[in-house]
Amino acid sequence: ERSEVDMERWVYFNPNPAGNRVGDCAVRAICKALELDWETVFTGLMVYACSLSDMPSANYVWGSYLARHGYHRKLVEQSERYIYTVNDFCADHPTGTYILCIDGHVVTVQDGKYYDTWDSGNEVPVYYWEKGVAK
């Protein structure tokens, strides 16, 4: 059962110019995190994808793009007692901008809210990207 607090953490966000919601979650998440438009991020990822001979949606490709913009990857410490979700991450990170990698999905958390085309709050992040110095 989800609380009202959890429900209020989700903010609908879709910068895709055609309103599409499939296959471009990494582009959408990076748009929010870097405050760039969809075309700029998509073009940047295409350049990286071409140079790395992979698809723009590949974790390695968009991860390299984020690293170039000063982001560092960190593993999410999973609890042995319960499943740690996007909502839990938001509760633990009330300030700052983070890009969470879920199995098959990417979502940006900013100041304790997550920005997505659907309510991904119960999904389980594997790792995340954070701007700043690697610790």
N, C-alpha and C. Protein backbone atom coordinates (compact mmCIF):
# COMPACT_ATOMS: atom_id res chain seq x y z
N GLU A 1 0.84 -1.20 0.00
CA GLU A 1 0.00 0.00 0.00
C GLU A 1 0.88 1.25 0.00
N ARG A 2 0.58 2.16 -0.91
CA ARG A 2 1.39 3.37 -1.03
C ARG A 2 0.73 4.53 -0.31
N SER A 3 1.56 5.35 0.31
CA SER A 3 1.03 6.50 1.04
C SER A 3 0.78 7.66 0.08
N GLU A 4 0.04 8.65 0.57
CA GLU A 4 -0.20 9.85 -0.24
C GLU A 4 1.10 10.59 -0.52
N VAL A 5 2.03 10.52 0.43
CA VAL A 5 3.34 11.16 0.24
C VAL A 5 4.03 10.56 -0.98
N ASP A 6 4.02 9.23 -1.09
CA ASP A 6 4.62 8.56 -2.24
C ASP A 6 3.95 9.02 -3.54
N MET A 7 2.63 9.10 -3.54
CA MET A 7 1.88 9.46 -4.74
C MET A 7 2.23 10.89 -5.19
N GLU A 8 2.53 11.75 -4.24
CA GLU A 8 2.82 13.15 -4.56
C GLU A 8 4.25 13.35 -5.06
N ARG A 9 5.06 12.32 -5.02
CA ARG A 9 6.45 12.45 -5.48
C ARG A 9 6.56 12.40 -7.00
N TRP A 10 5.59 11.79 -7.66
CA TRP A 10 5.65 11.66 -9.11
C TRP A 10 5.17 12.94 -9.80
N VAL A 11 6.00 13.46 -10.72
CA VAL A 11 5.62 14.60 -11.55
C VAL A 11 5.65 14.15 -13.00
N TYR A 12 4.52 14.28 -13.70
CA TYR A 12 4.47 13.90 -15.11
C TYR A 12 5.43 14.78 -15.90
N PHE A 13 6.26 14.14 -16.71
CA PHE A 13 7.25 14.88 -17.50
C PHE A 13 7.49 14.13 -18.80
N ASN A 14 7.26 14.81 -19.92
CA ASN A 14 7.53 14.21 -21.23
C ASN A 14 7.97 15.28 -22.23
N PRO A 15 9.29 15.45 -22.40
CA PRO A 15 9.80 16.47 -23.32
C PRO A 15 9.81 16.01 -24.79
N ASN A 16 9.38 14.78 -25.06
CA ASN A 16 9.39 14.27 -26.44
C ASN A 16 8.48 15.14 -27.31
N PRO A 17 9.01 15.73 -28.40
CA PRO A 17 8.23 16.68 -29.21
C PRO A 17 6.96 16.07 -29.81
N ALA A 18 6.99 14.76 -30.06
CA ALA A 18 5.81 14.09 -30.64
C ALA A 18 4.92 13.49 -29.55
N GLY A 19 5.33 13.65 -28.30
CA GLY A 19 4.55 13.09 -27.21
C GLY A 19 4.74 11.59 -27.04
N ASN A 20 5.72 11.03 -27.75
CA ASN A 20 5.98 9.59 -27.64
C ASN A 20 6.49 9.24 -26.25
N ARG A 21 6.20 7.99 -25.85
CA ARG A 21 6.58 7.55 -24.51
C ARG A 21 7.35 6.24 -24.52
N VAL A 22 7.76 5.77 -25.68
CA VAL A 22 8.38 4.46 -25.77
C VAL A 22 9.83 4.55 -26.27
N GLY A 23 10.74 3.93 -25.54
CA GLY A 23 12.09 3.75 -26.04
C GLY A 23 13.05 4.91 -25.82
N ASP A 24 12.56 6.04 -25.34
CA ASP A 24 13.45 7.20 -25.18
C ASP A 24 13.57 7.67 -23.73
N CYS A 25 13.38 6.75 -22.79
CA CYS A 25 13.40 7.16 -21.37
C CYS A 25 14.74 7.76 -20.97
N ALA A 26 15.84 7.26 -21.52
CA ALA A 26 17.15 7.83 -21.18
C ALA A 26 17.24 9.27 -21.67
N VAL A 27 16.73 9.54 -22.88
CA VAL A 27 16.73 10.90 -23.42
C VAL A 27 15.88 11.81 -22.54
N ARG A 28 14.68 11.36 -22.19
CA ARG A 28 13.78 12.17 -21.36
C ARG A 28 14.40 12.47 -20.00
N ALA A 29 15.01 11.45 -19.36
CA ALA A 29 15.61 11.63 -18.04
C ALA A 29 16.76 12.63 -18.09
N ILE A 30 17.59 12.51 -19.13
CA ILE A 30 18.73 13.43 -19.27
C ILE A 30 18.26 14.85 -19.56
N CYS A 31 17.18 14.99 -20.32
CA CYS A 31 16.60 16.33 -20.56
C CYS A 31 16.30 17.02 -19.24
N LYS A 32 15.66 16.30 -18.33
CA LYS A 32 15.29 16.88 -17.04
C LYS A 32 16.54 17.20 -16.21
N ALA A 33 17.46 16.25 -16.14
CA ALA A 33 18.64 16.41 -15.30
C ALA A 33 19.53 17.55 -15.77
N LEU A 34 19.72 17.67 -17.09
CA LEU A 34 20.64 18.67 -17.64
C LEU A 34 19.93 19.95 -18.10
N GLU A 35 18.60 19.96 -17.99
CA GLU A 35 17.80 21.11 -18.42
C GLU A 35 18.07 21.45 -19.89
N LEU A 36 18.03 20.40 -20.72
CA LEU A 36 18.21 20.55 -22.16
C LEU A 36 16.96 20.05 -22.87
N ASP A 37 16.76 20.51 -24.12
CA ASP A 37 15.60 20.01 -24.85
C ASP A 37 15.88 18.64 -25.45
N TRP A 38 14.81 17.97 -25.87
CA TRP A 38 14.88 16.59 -26.36
C TRP A 38 15.82 16.45 -27.56
N GLU A 39 15.72 17.38 -28.50
CA GLU A 39 16.53 17.31 -29.72
C GLU A 39 18.03 17.41 -29.40
N THR A 40 18.38 18.29 -28.47
CA THR A 40 19.78 18.47 -28.08
C THR A 40 20.34 17.19 -27.46
N VAL A 41 19.59 16.60 -26.54
CA VAL A 41 20.05 15.38 -25.88
C VAL A 41 20.09 14.23 -26.87
N PHE A 42 19.05 14.08 -27.69
CA PHE A 42 19.00 12.99 -28.67
C PHE A 42 20.18 13.08 -29.63
N THR A 43 20.45 14.28 -30.12
CA THR A 43 21.57 14.48 -31.05
C THR A 43 22.90 14.13 -30.38
N GLY A 44 23.08 14.59 -29.14
CA GLY A 44 24.29 14.29 -28.40
C GLY A 44 24.48 12.80 -28.20
N LEU A 45 23.40 12.11 -27.86
CA LEU A 45 23.47 10.66 -27.67
C LEU A 45 23.76 9.93 -28.98
N MET A 46 23.22 10.45 -30.09
CA MET A 46 23.47 9.82 -31.39
C MET A 46 24.97 9.91 -31.74
N VAL A 47 25.58 11.04 -31.44
CA VAL A 47 27.02 11.21 -31.70
C VAL A 47 27.81 10.20 -30.87
N TYR A 48 27.47 10.08 -29.57
CA TYR A 48 28.14 9.12 -28.70
C TYR A 48 27.90 7.70 -29.19
N ALA A 49 26.66 7.40 -29.55
CA ALA A 49 26.30 6.06 -30.02
C ALA A 49 27.12 5.68 -31.25
N CYS A 50 27.25 6.63 -32.16
CA CYS A 50 28.01 6.39 -33.39
C CYS A 50 29.48 6.13 -33.06
N SER A 51 30.05 6.95 -32.19
CA SER A 51 31.48 6.80 -31.87
C SER A 51 31.74 5.52 -31.08
N LEU A 52 30.74 5.04 -30.33
CA LEU A 52 30.91 3.82 -29.53
C LEU A 52 30.33 2.58 -30.23
N SER A 53 29.78 2.78 -31.45
CA SER A 53 29.19 1.69 -32.24
C SER A 53 28.12 0.92 -31.46
N ASP A 54 27.23 1.68 -30.85
CA ASP A 54 26.15 1.07 -30.09
C ASP A 54 24.89 1.92 -30.22
N MET A 55 23.79 1.50 -29.62
CA MET A 55 22.54 2.24 -29.69
C MET A 55 22.51 3.36 -28.64
N PRO A 56 21.80 4.46 -28.93
CA PRO A 56 21.75 5.57 -27.97
C PRO A 56 21.12 5.16 -26.62
N SER A 57 20.28 4.15 -26.64
CA SER A 57 19.62 3.71 -25.40
C SER A 57 20.49 2.79 -24.55
N ALA A 58 21.65 2.37 -25.09
CA ALA A 58 22.54 1.49 -24.33
C ALA A 58 23.07 2.22 -23.09
N ASN A 59 23.06 1.53 -21.95
CA ASN A 59 23.52 2.15 -20.70
C ASN A 59 24.92 2.75 -20.83
N TYR A 60 25.79 2.06 -21.56
CA TYR A 60 27.16 2.54 -21.74
C TYR A 60 27.19 3.86 -22.49
N VAL A 61 26.31 4.01 -23.48
CA VAL A 61 26.28 5.22 -24.31
C VAL A 61 25.78 6.42 -23.51
N TRP A 62 24.59 6.31 -22.95
CA TRP A 62 24.07 7.47 -22.21
C TRP A 62 24.86 7.71 -20.92
N GLY A 63 25.48 6.65 -20.37
CA GLY A 63 26.34 6.82 -19.21
C GLY A 63 27.58 7.63 -19.55
N SER A 64 28.15 7.37 -20.72
CA SER A 64 29.32 8.14 -21.17
C SER A 64 28.96 9.60 -21.37
N TYR A 65 27.76 9.84 -21.90
CA TYR A 65 27.26 11.20 -22.11
C TYR A 65 27.13 11.93 -20.77
N LEU A 66 26.58 11.25 -19.77
CA LEU A 66 26.45 11.85 -18.44
C LEU A 66 27.81 12.10 -17.80
N ALA A 67 28.73 11.16 -17.96
CA ALA A 67 30.08 11.32 -17.40
C ALA A 67 30.74 12.57 -17.98
N ARG A 68 30.50 12.80 -19.26
CA ARG A 68 31.06 13.98 -19.92
C ARG A 68 30.48 15.27 -19.33
N HIS A 69 29.27 15.17 -18.79
CA HIS A 69 28.61 16.32 -18.18
C HIS A 69 28.83 16.38 -16.66
N GLY A 70 29.84 15.67 -16.16
CA GLY A 70 30.22 15.79 -14.75
C GLY A 70 29.50 14.88 -13.79
N TYR A 71 28.81 13.86 -14.31
CA TYR A 71 28.09 12.92 -13.44
C TYR A 71 28.96 11.69 -13.15
N HIS A 72 28.74 11.10 -11.97
CA HIS A 72 29.45 9.90 -11.55
C HIS A 72 28.43 8.83 -11.15
N ARG A 73 28.75 7.58 -11.47
CA ARG A 73 27.83 6.48 -11.19
C ARG A 73 28.08 5.89 -9.82
N LYS A 74 26.99 5.59 -9.11
CA LYS A 74 27.09 4.95 -7.80
C LYS A 74 26.06 3.83 -7.70
N LEU A 75 26.44 2.75 -7.04
CA LEU A 75 25.51 1.64 -6.83
C LEU A 75 24.50 2.00 -5.76
N VAL A 76 23.28 1.50 -5.92
CA VAL A 76 22.27 1.66 -4.88
C VAL A 76 22.46 0.52 -3.89
N GLU A 77 22.62 0.86 -2.63
CA GLU A 77 22.77 -0.15 -1.59
C GLU A 77 21.39 -0.73 -1.28
N GLN A 78 21.18 -1.99 -1.65
CA GLN A 78 19.89 -2.62 -1.38
C GLN A 78 19.86 -3.18 0.04
N SER A 79 18.75 -2.98 0.72
CA SER A 79 18.58 -3.50 2.08
C SER A 79 18.24 -4.99 2.00
N GLU A 80 18.68 -5.73 2.99
CA GLU A 80 18.29 -7.15 3.06
C GLU A 80 16.90 -7.29 3.65
N ARG A 81 16.40 -6.24 4.28
CA ARG A 81 15.12 -6.32 4.97
C ARG A 81 13.93 -5.98 4.08
N TYR A 82 14.13 -5.09 3.10
CA TYR A 82 13.00 -4.70 2.26
C TYR A 82 13.50 -4.25 0.89
N ILE A 83 12.58 -4.15 -0.05
CA ILE A 83 12.93 -3.71 -1.40
C ILE A 83 13.03 -2.19 -1.41
N TYR A 84 14.15 -1.68 -1.88
CA TYR A 84 14.42 -0.24 -1.93
C TYR A 84 13.97 0.31 -3.29
N THR A 85 12.96 1.17 -3.27
CA THR A 85 12.32 1.64 -4.50
C THR A 85 12.72 3.07 -4.87
N VAL A 86 12.23 3.53 -6.01
CA VAL A 86 12.42 4.93 -6.43
C VAL A 86 11.84 5.86 -5.36
N ASN A 87 10.67 5.52 -4.81
CA ASN A 87 10.08 6.33 -3.74
C ASN A 87 11.01 6.42 -2.52
N ASP A 88 11.62 5.31 -2.15
CA ASP A 88 12.56 5.31 -1.02
C ASP A 88 13.75 6.21 -1.33
N PHE A 89 14.26 6.13 -2.56
CA PHE A 89 15.39 6.97 -2.96
C PHE A 89 15.01 8.44 -2.84
N CYS A 90 13.80 8.79 -3.28
CA CYS A 90 13.33 10.18 -3.18
C CYS A 90 13.28 10.64 -1.72
N ALA A 91 12.79 9.78 -0.85
CA ALA A 91 12.70 10.12 0.57
C ALA A 91 14.09 10.35 1.17
N ASP A 92 15.07 9.57 0.70
CA ASP A 92 16.43 9.67 1.22
C ASP A 92 17.25 10.78 0.56
N HIS A 93 16.74 11.34 -0.55
CA HIS A 93 17.46 12.38 -1.30
C HIS A 93 16.54 13.57 -1.59
N PRO A 94 16.21 14.35 -0.54
CA PRO A 94 15.27 15.46 -0.70
C PRO A 94 15.80 16.64 -1.50
N THR A 95 17.12 16.68 -1.71
CA THR A 95 17.69 17.75 -2.52
C THR A 95 18.67 17.14 -3.53
N GLY A 96 18.85 17.85 -4.64
CA GLY A 96 19.80 17.40 -5.65
C GLY A 96 19.13 16.73 -6.84
N THR A 97 19.94 16.46 -7.86
CA THR A 97 19.47 15.83 -9.09
C THR A 97 20.21 14.51 -9.31
N TYR A 98 19.44 13.46 -9.56
CA TYR A 98 19.98 12.11 -9.73
C TYR A 98 19.29 11.43 -10.91
N ILE A 99 20.03 10.60 -11.62
CA ILE A 99 19.45 9.81 -12.69
C ILE A 99 19.53 8.35 -12.28
N LEU A 100 18.37 7.73 -12.10
CA LEU A 100 18.31 6.36 -11.61
C LEU A 100 18.16 5.37 -12.76
N CYS A 101 18.95 4.31 -12.70
CA CYS A 101 18.86 3.25 -13.69
C CYS A 101 18.13 2.06 -13.08
N ILE A 102 16.99 1.75 -13.67
CA ILE A 102 16.17 0.62 -13.29
C ILE A 102 16.35 -0.40 -14.41
N ASP A 103 16.06 -1.65 -14.17
CA ASP A 103 16.15 -2.66 -15.23
C ASP A 103 15.22 -2.28 -16.38
N GLY A 104 15.80 -1.85 -17.50
CA GLY A 104 15.00 -1.49 -18.67
C GLY A 104 14.38 -0.11 -18.62
N HIS A 105 14.76 0.72 -17.68
CA HIS A 105 14.17 2.05 -17.58
C HIS A 105 15.15 3.03 -16.94
N VAL A 106 14.94 4.32 -17.19
CA VAL A 106 15.76 5.38 -16.61
C VAL A 106 14.82 6.50 -16.17
N VAL A 107 15.05 7.07 -14.99
CA VAL A 107 14.20 8.14 -14.48
C VAL A 107 15.05 9.15 -13.69
N THR A 108 14.69 10.42 -13.80
CA THR A 108 15.39 11.46 -13.05
C THR A 108 14.65 11.80 -11.77
N VAL A 109 15.41 11.89 -10.68
CA VAL A 109 14.91 12.36 -9.39
C VAL A 109 15.52 13.73 -9.15
N GLN A 110 14.66 14.69 -8.84
CA GLN A 110 15.13 16.05 -8.56
C GLN A 110 14.41 16.58 -7.33
N ASP A 111 15.20 16.94 -6.32
CA ASP A 111 14.66 17.49 -5.07
C ASP A 111 13.51 16.66 -4.50
N GLY A 112 13.73 15.36 -4.44
CA GLY A 112 12.78 14.46 -3.79
C GLY A 112 11.58 14.05 -4.61
N LYS A 113 11.52 14.45 -5.87
CA LYS A 113 10.42 14.05 -6.76
C LYS A 113 11.02 13.35 -7.97
N TYR A 114 10.23 12.45 -8.59
CA TYR A 114 10.72 11.80 -9.80
C TYR A 114 9.85 12.21 -10.99
N TYR A 115 10.54 12.45 -12.11
CA TYR A 115 9.93 13.02 -13.32
C TYR A 115 9.89 11.96 -14.40
N ASP A 116 8.68 11.55 -14.79
CA ASP A 116 8.53 10.43 -15.70
C ASP A 116 7.18 10.52 -16.42
N THR A 117 7.03 9.71 -17.48
CA THR A 117 5.75 9.66 -18.20
C THR A 117 4.78 8.72 -17.52
N TRP A 118 5.26 7.94 -16.56
CA TRP A 118 4.39 7.02 -15.81
C TRP A 118 4.90 6.93 -14.37
N ASP A 119 4.07 6.41 -13.49
CA ASP A 119 4.40 6.34 -12.07
C ASP A 119 5.34 5.15 -11.82
N SER A 120 6.64 5.44 -11.85
CA SER A 120 7.66 4.40 -11.68
C SER A 120 8.17 4.32 -10.24
N GLY A 121 7.42 4.85 -9.30
CA GLY A 121 7.85 4.93 -7.90
C GLY A 121 8.11 3.61 -7.21
N ASN A 122 7.45 2.54 -7.67
CA ASN A 122 7.66 1.23 -7.04
C ASN A 122 8.76 0.42 -7.71
N GLU A 123 9.39 0.99 -8.75
CA GLU A 123 10.47 0.30 -9.43
C GLU A 123 11.73 0.31 -8.55
N VAL A 124 12.64 -0.62 -8.82
CA VAL A 124 13.83 -0.79 -7.99
C VAL A 124 15.08 -0.35 -8.74
N PRO A 125 15.69 0.76 -8.31
CA PRO A 125 16.91 1.24 -8.99
C PRO A 125 18.12 0.36 -8.66
N VAL A 126 18.98 0.16 -9.69
CA VAL A 126 20.17 -0.65 -9.52
C VAL A 126 21.38 0.25 -9.22
N TYR A 127 21.47 1.34 -9.98
CA TYR A 127 22.50 2.33 -9.72
C TYR A 127 21.98 3.71 -10.11
N TYR A 128 22.74 4.74 -9.77
CA TYR A 128 22.31 6.09 -10.09
C TYR A 128 23.50 6.94 -10.45
N TRP A 129 23.23 8.02 -11.13
CA TRP A 129 24.24 9.00 -11.52
C TRP A 129 24.01 10.27 -10.73
N GLU A 130 25.09 10.83 -10.22
CA GLU A 130 25.03 12.04 -9.40
C GLU A 130 26.10 12.99 -9.90
N LYS A 131 25.74 14.28 -9.99
CA LYS A 131 26.72 15.27 -10.45
C LYS A 131 27.67 15.61 -9.31
N GLY A 132 28.92 15.83 -9.66
CA GLY A 132 29.89 16.24 -8.65
C GLY A 132 31.04 15.27 -8.52
N VAL A 133 31.75 15.40 -7.45
CA VAL A 133 32.98 14.63 -7.24
C VAL A 133 32.63 13.19 -6.82
N ALA A 134 33.27 12.23 -7.43
CA ALA A 134 33.07 10.84 -7.05
C ALA A 134 33.61 10.60 -5.64
N LYS A 135 32.83 9.85 -4.85
CA LYS A 135 33.24 9.60 -3.46
C LYS A 135 33.66 8.16 -3.31
